[in-house]
Protein backbone atom coordinates (compact mmCIF):
# COMPACT_ATOMS: atom_id res chain seq x y z
CA UNK A 1 91.98 116.80 123.37
CA UNK A 2 90.07 115.06 125.97
CA UNK A 3 86.83 115.62 124.46
CA UNK A 4 88.59 113.35 121.65
CA UNK A 5 89.37 111.08 124.57
CA UNK A 6 86.01 111.59 126.50
CA UNK A 7 84.31 108.12 127.95
CA UNK A 8 87.62 106.56 127.21
CA UNK A 9 90.32 108.48 129.65
CA UNK A 10 90.01 110.77 132.22
CA UNK A 11 92.77 113.01 132.34
CA UNK A 12 94.05 114.27 135.69
CA UNK A 13 96.91 116.67 137.34
CA UNK A 14 98.92 116.71 140.04
CA UNK A 15 100.88 119.75 142.14
CA UNK A 16 103.67 117.73 143.06
CA UNK A 17 104.59 120.95 145.32
CA UNK A 18 102.02 119.60 147.68
CA UNK A 19 103.40 117.44 150.19
CA UNK A 20 99.20 116.09 151.01
CA UNK A 21 99.88 114.27 146.93
CA UNK A 22 103.12 112.07 147.61
CA UNK A 23 100.70 109.63 147.82
CA UNK A 24 99.00 109.99 144.84
CA UNK A 25 102.39 110.30 143.25
CA UNK A 26 103.35 106.40 144.48
CA UNK A 27 100.07 105.08 143.19
CA UNK A 28 100.75 106.11 139.75
CA UNK A 29 104.67 104.94 140.23
CA UNK A 30 106.20 108.79 139.73
CA UNK A 31 109.28 110.30 142.12
CA UNK A 32 109.13 113.91 142.70
CA UNK A 33 112.58 113.85 140.94
CA UNK A 34 110.93 112.40 137.72
CA UNK A 35 108.15 114.97 137.10
CA UNK A 36 107.06 116.46 134.73
CA UNK A 37 105.41 112.85 133.50
CA UNK A 38 102.81 110.84 132.31
CA UNK A 39 101.17 108.36 132.62
CA UNK A 40 98.18 106.05 131.95
CA UNK A 41 96.43 103.49 134.15
CA UNK A 42 93.62 101.27 133.17
CA UNK A 43 91.45 99.72 135.90
CA UNK A 44 89.66 96.69 134.80
CA UNK A 45 89.43 93.20 135.55
CA UNK A 46 93.37 94.07 136.32
CA UNK A 47 94.95 97.77 137.23
CA UNK A 48 97.63 98.09 134.29
CA UNK A 49 99.82 101.13 134.40
CA UNK A 50 101.86 102.68 131.53
CA UNK A 51 104.49 105.19 130.86
CA UNK A 52 105.30 106.64 127.56
CA UNK A 53 108.66 106.30 125.88
CA UNK A 54 109.00 109.94 125.09
CA UNK A 55 108.99 112.50 127.94
CA UNK A 56 107.72 115.86 125.76
CA UNK A 57 104.08 117.10 125.68
CA UNK A 58 103.39 118.56 122.81
CA UNK A 59 99.81 117.56 121.61
CA UNK A 60 101.30 114.61 119.32
CA UNK A 61 102.76 113.02 121.97
CA UNK A 62 100.32 112.67 124.37
CA UNK A 63 97.92 111.67 121.13
CA UNK A 64 100.02 108.91 119.73
CA UNK A 65 100.77 107.87 123.97
CA UNK A 66 96.35 107.36 124.14
CA UNK A 67 96.24 106.44 120.81
CA UNK A 68 98.57 103.18 121.38
CA UNK A 69 97.67 103.01 124.55
CA UNK A 70 93.81 101.98 124.15
CA UNK A 71 94.93 100.42 120.63
CA UNK A 72 97.44 98.12 123.11
CA UNK A 73 100.17 98.65 120.88
CA UNK A 74 102.30 100.49 124.24
CA UNK A 75 104.19 98.41 126.24
CA UNK A 76 102.67 97.29 130.12
CA UNK A 77 105.25 98.90 133.04
CA UNK A 78 103.21 97.15 135.52
CA UNK A 79 100.11 95.12 136.24
CA UNK A 80 98.22 94.13 139.07
CA UNK A 81 95.33 91.64 139.22
CA UNK A 82 92.64 92.70 141.57
CA UNK A 83 90.10 90.52 143.64
CA UNK A 84 86.96 91.32 143.12
CA UNK A 85 86.14 89.14 146.47
């Protein structure tokens, strides 16, 4: 499936059992008790975070979530405007 979104989305997995990854989880807005979980972050003029409504990881659910974010159909979880200066 990642080939279908090549150049648009980078898929990342995080080993949440590794205490060194706590800051990464914070960045994604995740808590250890919430995993497994999925987030999508867009880094453009602003940093926008998205959280899927469904919690299963079926190909259909993941594909619908990623496509929905790319098509602007998924509600934003969090948005932070970045200052380039």
